Amino acid sequence: MEQIPITKQGYQALKQELARLKSVERPENIKAIETARAHGDLSENAEYHAAKERQSFLEGRIGELSYKLGVARVIDPDAVPRDIVRFASRVLVENQDSEEQVEYMIVGPDEADIKKGKISVSSPLGSALIGKRPGDEAVLQAPGGRRSYEIIDII
């Protein structure tokens, strides 16, 4: 069975979303379906169809989250060695073209948020950084062309 790496914070966020979907959104949607049914003819009842569509989305997301939590491999960022860049590492890089320095944390796809400095391990930059050491260069092919980053430090 495949394992999906995730940080403790990411695991907790997925767990909270699953609990909210099961305990709040699913019951609310069930009530919306019941209310829409009470309005009569279901074939032309837009509220009913919207609620059924929402139910399908919720059940799909609940299944997806349950699967991800079941195969999650929780990694504590504080326990990650700082010798090479790996999952859950915090990395200070310098763009070789602009000389701009940026700090990123390498996380799983569900946790990625570039505005918070979190990039996915499966993103082009995340993949290029994995396995590198301070002083190494990470090169990637981006839609705008070739990009080069120097690893300044693993924080």
C-alpha atoms as a PDB file:
ATOM      1  CA  MET A   1       0.000   0.000   0.000  1.00  0.00           C
ATOM      2  CA  GLU A   2       1.350   3.399  -0.930  1.00  0.00           C
ATOM      3  CA  GLN A   3       2.051   5.892   1.824  1.00  0.00           C
ATOM      4  CA  ILE A   4       1.475   9.605   1.428  1.00  0.00           C
ATOM      5  CA  PRO A   5       3.889  11.816   3.379  1.00  0.00           C
ATOM      6  CA  ILE A   6       2.230  14.602   5.338  1.00  0.00           C
ATOM      7  CA  THR A   7       3.226  16.902   8.176  1.00  0.00           C
ATOM      8  CA  LYS A   8       1.536  16.741  11.586  1.00  0.00           C
ATOM      9  CA  GLN A   9      -0.210  20.044  10.849  1.00  0.00           C
ATOM     10  CA  GLY A  10      -1.415  18.826   7.460  1.00  0.00           C
ATOM     11  CA  TYR A  11      -2.711  15.593   8.984  1.00  0.00           C
ATOM     12  CA  GLN A  12      -4.634  17.529  11.639  1.00  0.00           C
ATOM     13  CA  ALA A  13      -6.114  19.864   9.005  1.00  0.00           C
ATOM     14  CA  LEU A  14      -7.376  16.914   6.927  1.00  0.00           C
ATOM     15  CA  LYS A  15      -8.763  15.240  10.062  1.00  0.00           C
ATOM     16  CA  GLN A  16     -10.627  18.428  11.032  1.00  0.00           C
ATOM     17  CA  GLU A  17     -12.039  18.825   7.523  1.00  0.00           C
ATOM     18  CA  LEU A  18     -13.262  15.211   7.575  1.00  0.00           C
ATOM     19  CA  ALA A  19     -14.900  15.674  10.980  1.00  0.00           C
ATOM     20  CA  ARG A  20     -16.598  18.903   9.799  1.00  0.00           C
ATOM     21  CA  LEU A  21     -17.897  17.243   6.643  1.00  0.00           C
ATOM     22  CA  LYS A  22     -19.310  14.280   8.583  1.00  0.00           C
ATOM     23  CA  SER A  23     -20.751  16.138  11.568  1.00  0.00           C
ATOM     24  CA  VAL A  24     -21.851  19.466  10.082  1.00  0.00           C
ATOM     25  CA  GLU A  25     -22.079  19.577   6.294  1.00  0.00           C
ATOM     26  CA  ARG A  26     -23.478  16.086   5.668  1.00  0.00           C
ATOM     27  CA  PRO A  27     -26.368  16.511   8.190  1.00  0.00           C
ATOM     28  CA  GLU A  28     -27.123  20.007   6.839  1.00  0.00           C
ATOM     29  CA  ASN A  29     -27.268  18.623   3.314  1.00  0.00           C
ATOM     30  CA  ILE A  30     -29.566  15.777   4.379  1.00  0.00           C
ATOM     31  CA  LYS A  31     -31.965  18.384   5.811  1.00  0.00           C
ATOM     32  CA  ALA A  32     -31.746  20.373   2.560  1.00  0.00           C
ATOM     33  CA  ILE A  33     -32.705  17.248   0.583  1.00  0.00           C
ATOM     34  CA  GLU A  34     -35.657  16.577   2.908  1.00  0.00           C
ATOM     35  CA  THR A  35     -36.826  20.193   2.634  1.00  0.00           C
ATOM     36  CA  ALA A  36     -36.545  20.128  -1.159  1.00  0.00           C
ATOM     37  CA  ARG A  37     -38.469  16.838  -1.340  1.00  0.00           C
ATOM     38  CA  ALA A  38     -41.312  18.418   0.595  1.00  0.00           C
ATOM     39  CA  HIS A  39     -41.763  20.930  -2.223  1.00  0.00           C
ATOM     40  CA  GLY A  40     -43.262  18.295  -4.466  1.00  0.00           C
ATOM     41  CA  ASP A  41     -42.349  17.301  -8.025  1.00  0.00           C
ATOM     42  CA  LEU A  42     -38.686  16.267  -7.930  1.00  0.00           C
ATOM     43  CA  SER A  43     -38.195  16.244 -11.707  1.00  0.00           C
ATOM     44  CA  GLU A  44     -38.326  20.064 -11.869  1.00  0.00           C
ATOM     45  CA  ASN A  45     -37.061  20.828  -8.368  1.00  0.00           C
ATOM     46  CA  ALA A  46     -33.771  22.742  -8.713  1.00  0.00           C
ATOM     47  CA  GLU A  47     -33.208  22.809  -4.939  1.00  0.00           C
ATOM     48  CA  TYR A  48     -33.473  19.029  -4.782  1.00  0.00           C
ATOM     49  CA  HIS A  49     -31.059  18.515  -7.670  1.00  0.00           C
ATOM     50  CA  ALA A  50     -28.558  20.980  -6.176  1.00  0.00           C
ATOM     51  CA  ALA A  51     -28.738  19.246  -2.794  1.00  0.00           C
ATOM     52  CA  LYS A  52     -28.247  15.815  -4.409  1.00  0.00           C
ATOM     53  CA  GLU A  53     -25.263  17.171  -6.337  1.00  0.00           C
ATOM     54  CA  ARG A  54     -23.841  18.574  -3.102  1.00  0.00           C
ATOM     55  CA  GLN A  55     -24.399  15.184  -1.437  1.00  0.00           C
ATOM     56  CA  SER A  56     -22.401  13.492  -4.191  1.00  0.00           C
ATOM     57  CA  PHE A  57     -19.554  15.994  -3.743  1.00  0.00           C
ATOM     58  CA  LEU A  58     -19.543  15.569   0.051  1.00  0.00           C
ATOM     59  CA  GLU A  59     -19.488  11.775  -0.130  1.00  0.00           C
ATOM     60  CA  GLY A  60     -16.668  11.892  -2.657  1.00  0.00           C
ATOM     61  CA  ARG A  61     -14.605  14.264  -0.518  1.00  0.00           C
ATOM     62  CA  ILE A  62     -15.278  12.194   2.626  1.00  0.00           C
ATOM     63  CA  GLY A  63     -14.037   9.098   0.786  1.00  0.00           C
ATOM     64  CA  GLU A  64     -10.969  10.910  -0.509  1.00  0.00           C
ATOM     65  CA  LEU A  65     -10.057  12.280   2.930  1.00  0.00           C
ATOM     66  CA  SER A  66     -10.641   8.905   4.593  1.00  0.00           C
ATOM     67  CA  TYR A  67      -8.295   7.269   2.094  1.00  0.00           C
ATOM     68  CA  LYS A  68      -5.589   9.930   2.490  1.00  0.00           C
ATOM     69  CA  LEU A  69      -5.717   9.736   6.269  1.00  0.00           C
ATOM     70  CA  GLY A  70      -5.569   5.940   6.085  1.00  0.00           C
ATOM     71  CA  VAL A  71      -2.380   5.891   4.011  1.00  0.00           C
ATOM     72  CA  ALA A  72      -0.779   8.988   5.550  1.00  0.00           C
ATOM     73  CA  ARG A  73       2.760   8.784   6.848  1.00  0.00           C
ATOM     74  CA  VAL A  74       3.026  11.625   9.358  1.00  0.00           C
ATOM     75  CA  ILE A  75       6.400  13.323   9.416  1.00  0.00           C
ATOM     76  CA  ASP A  76       7.403  15.724  12.179  1.00  0.00           C
ATOM     77  CA  PRO A  77       9.277  18.676  10.598  1.00  0.00           C
ATOM     78  CA  ASP A  78      11.263  19.130  13.827  1.00  0.00           C
ATOM     79  CA  ALA A  79      12.607  15.565  13.554  1.00  0.00           C
ATOM     80  CA  VAL A  80      13.834  15.927   9.962  1.00  0.00           C
ATOM     81  CA  PRO A  81      17.657  15.975   9.696  1.00  0.00           C
ATOM     82  CA  ARG A  82      19.022  19.157   8.183  1.00  0.00           C
ATOM     83  CA  ASP A  83      21.857  17.660   6.116  1.00  0.00           C
ATOM     84  CA  ILE A  84      19.952  17.381   2.814  1.00  0.00           C
ATOM     85  CA  VAL A  85      16.640  18.709   1.526  1.00  0.00           C
ATOM     86  CA  ARG A  86      13.853  16.187   2.048  1.00  0.00           C
ATOM     87  CA  PHE A  87      10.133  16.154   2.787  1.00  0.00           C
ATOM     88  CA  ALA A  88       9.244  18.625   5.604  1.00  0.00           C
ATOM     89  CA  SER A  89      12.544  20.516   5.223  1.00  0.00           C
ATOM     90  CA  ARG A  90      12.614  24.299   5.444  1.00  0.00           C
ATOM     91  CA  VAL A  91      14.948  25.576   2.768  1.00  0.00           C
ATOM     92  CA  LEU A  92      16.392  29.017   2.016  1.00  0.00           C
ATOM     93  CA  VAL A  93      17.055  29.315  -1.716  1.00  0.00           C
ATOM     94  CA  GLU A  94      18.327  32.066  -3.961  1.00  0.00           C
ATOM     95  CA  ASN A  95      16.975  32.537  -7.457  1.00  0.00           C
ATOM     96  CA  GLN A  96      20.124  32.743  -9.601  1.00  0.00           C
ATOM     97  CA  ASP A  97      18.504  35.149 -12.072  1.00  0.00           C
ATOM     98  CA  SER A  98      16.965  37.678  -9.680  1.00  0.00           C
ATOM     99  CA  GLU A  99      19.242  37.008  -6.678  1.00  0.00           C
ATOM    100  CA  GLU A 100      16.070  37.008  -4.557  1.00  0.00           C
ATOM    101  CA  GLN A 101      16.173  34.748  -1.501  1.00  0.00           C
ATOM    102  CA  VAL A 102      13.032  32.861  -0.508  1.00  0.00           C
ATOM    103  CA  GLU A 103      12.280  30.345   2.236  1.00  0.00           C
ATOM    104  CA  TYR A 104      10.162  27.316   1.364  1.00  0.00           C
ATOM    105  CA  MET A 105       8.901  24.310   3.275  1.00  0.00           C
ATOM    106  CA  ILE A 106       8.595  21.077   1.294  1.00  0.00           C
ATOM    107  CA  VAL A 107       5.146  19.569   1.990  1.00  0.00           C
ATOM    108  CA  GLY A 108       2.611  17.201   0.457  1.00  0.00           C
ATOM    109  CA  PRO A 109       0.247  18.256  -2.343  1.00  0.00           C
ATOM    110  CA  ASP A 110      -2.680  18.782   0.069  1.00  0.00           C
ATOM    111  CA  GLU A 111      -0.660  21.203   2.181  1.00  0.00           C
ATOM    112  CA  ALA A 112       0.954  23.287  -0.576  1.00  0.00           C
ATOM    113  CA  ASP A 113       0.294  27.026  -0.315  1.00  0.00           C
ATOM    114  CA  ILE A 114       2.807  29.230  -2.084  1.00  0.00           C
ATOM    115  CA  LYS A 115       1.557  32.328  -0.235  1.00  0.00           C
ATOM    116  CA  LYS A 116       2.603  30.653   3.029  1.00  0.00           C
ATOM    117  CA  GLY A 117       5.911  29.468   1.578  1.00  0.00           C
ATOM    118  CA  LYS A 118       4.812  25.828   1.342  1.00  0.00           C
ATOM    119  CA  ILE A 119       5.577  24.019  -1.916  1.00  0.00           C
ATOM    120  CA  SER A 120       4.595  20.508  -2.889  1.00  0.00           C
ATOM    121  CA  VAL A 121       7.229  17.800  -2.937  1.00  0.00           C
ATOM    122  CA  SER A 122       5.812  16.854  -6.345  1.00  0.00           C
ATOM    123  CA  SER A 123       6.028  20.386  -7.815  1.00  0.00           C
ATOM    124  CA  PRO A 124       8.850  21.128 -10.274  1.00  0.00           C
ATOM    125  CA  LEU A 125      10.743  23.215  -7.701  1.00  0.00           C
ATOM    126  CA  GLY A 126      10.047  20.803  -4.839  1.00  0.00           C
ATOM    127  CA  SER A 127      11.287  17.871  -6.926  1.00  0.00           C
ATOM    128  CA  ALA A 128      14.397  19.798  -7.977  1.00  0.00           C
ATOM    129  CA  LEU A 129      15.266  20.652  -4.354  1.00  0.00           C
ATOM    130  CA  ILE A 130      14.915  17.122  -2.931  1.00  0.00           C
ATOM    131  CA  GLY A 131      18.279  15.530  -2.179  1.00  0.00           C
ATOM    132  CA  LYS A 132      20.282  18.751  -2.483  1.00  0.00           C
ATOM    133  CA  ARG A 133      22.653  20.215   0.135  1.00  0.00           C
ATOM    134  CA  PRO A 134      23.532  23.818   0.998  1.00  0.00           C
ATOM    135  CA  GLY A 135      25.683  25.176  -1.826  1.00  0.00           C
ATOM    136  CA  ASP A 136      24.098  22.876  -4.444  1.00  0.00           C
ATOM    137  CA  GLU A 137      22.220  24.179  -7.436  1.00  0.00           C
ATOM    138  CA  ALA A 138      18.683  23.048  -8.251  1.00  0.00           C
ATOM    139  CA  VAL A 139      17.741  23.440 -11.906  1.00  0.00           C
ATOM    140  CA  LEU A 140      14.237  23.031 -13.252  1.00  0.00           C
ATOM    141  CA  GLN A 141      12.386  23.585 -16.469  1.00  0.00           C
ATOM    142  CA  ALA A 142       9.449  25.918 -15.785  1.00  0.00           C
ATOM    143  CA  PRO A 143       6.802  27.076 -18.278  1.00  0.00           C
ATOM    144  CA  GLY A 144       8.684  30.394 -18.547  1.00  0.00           C
ATOM    145  CA  GLY A 145      12.017  28.677 -19.212  1.00  0.00           C
ATOM    146  CA  ARG A 146      14.934  27.210 -17.292  1.00  0.00           C
ATOM    147  CA  ARG A 147      15.251  28.299 -13.641  1.00  0.00           C
ATOM    148  CA  SER A 148      18.195  27.855 -11.342  1.00  0.00           C
ATOM    149  CA  TYR A 149      18.227  28.101  -7.540  1.00  0.00           C
ATOM    150  CA  GLU A 150      21.112  27.833  -5.109  1.00  0.00           C
ATOM    151  CA  ILE A 151      20.396  26.174  -1.781  1.00  0.00           C
ATOM    152  CA  ILE A 152      21.625  28.675   0.806  1.00  0.00           C
ATOM    153  CA  ASP A 153      20.598  26.847   3.963  1.00  0.00           C
ATOM    154  CA  ILE A 154      18.381  24.116   5.369  1.00  0.00           C
ATOM    155  CA  ILE A 155      16.695  25.722   8.344  1.00  0.00           C
END
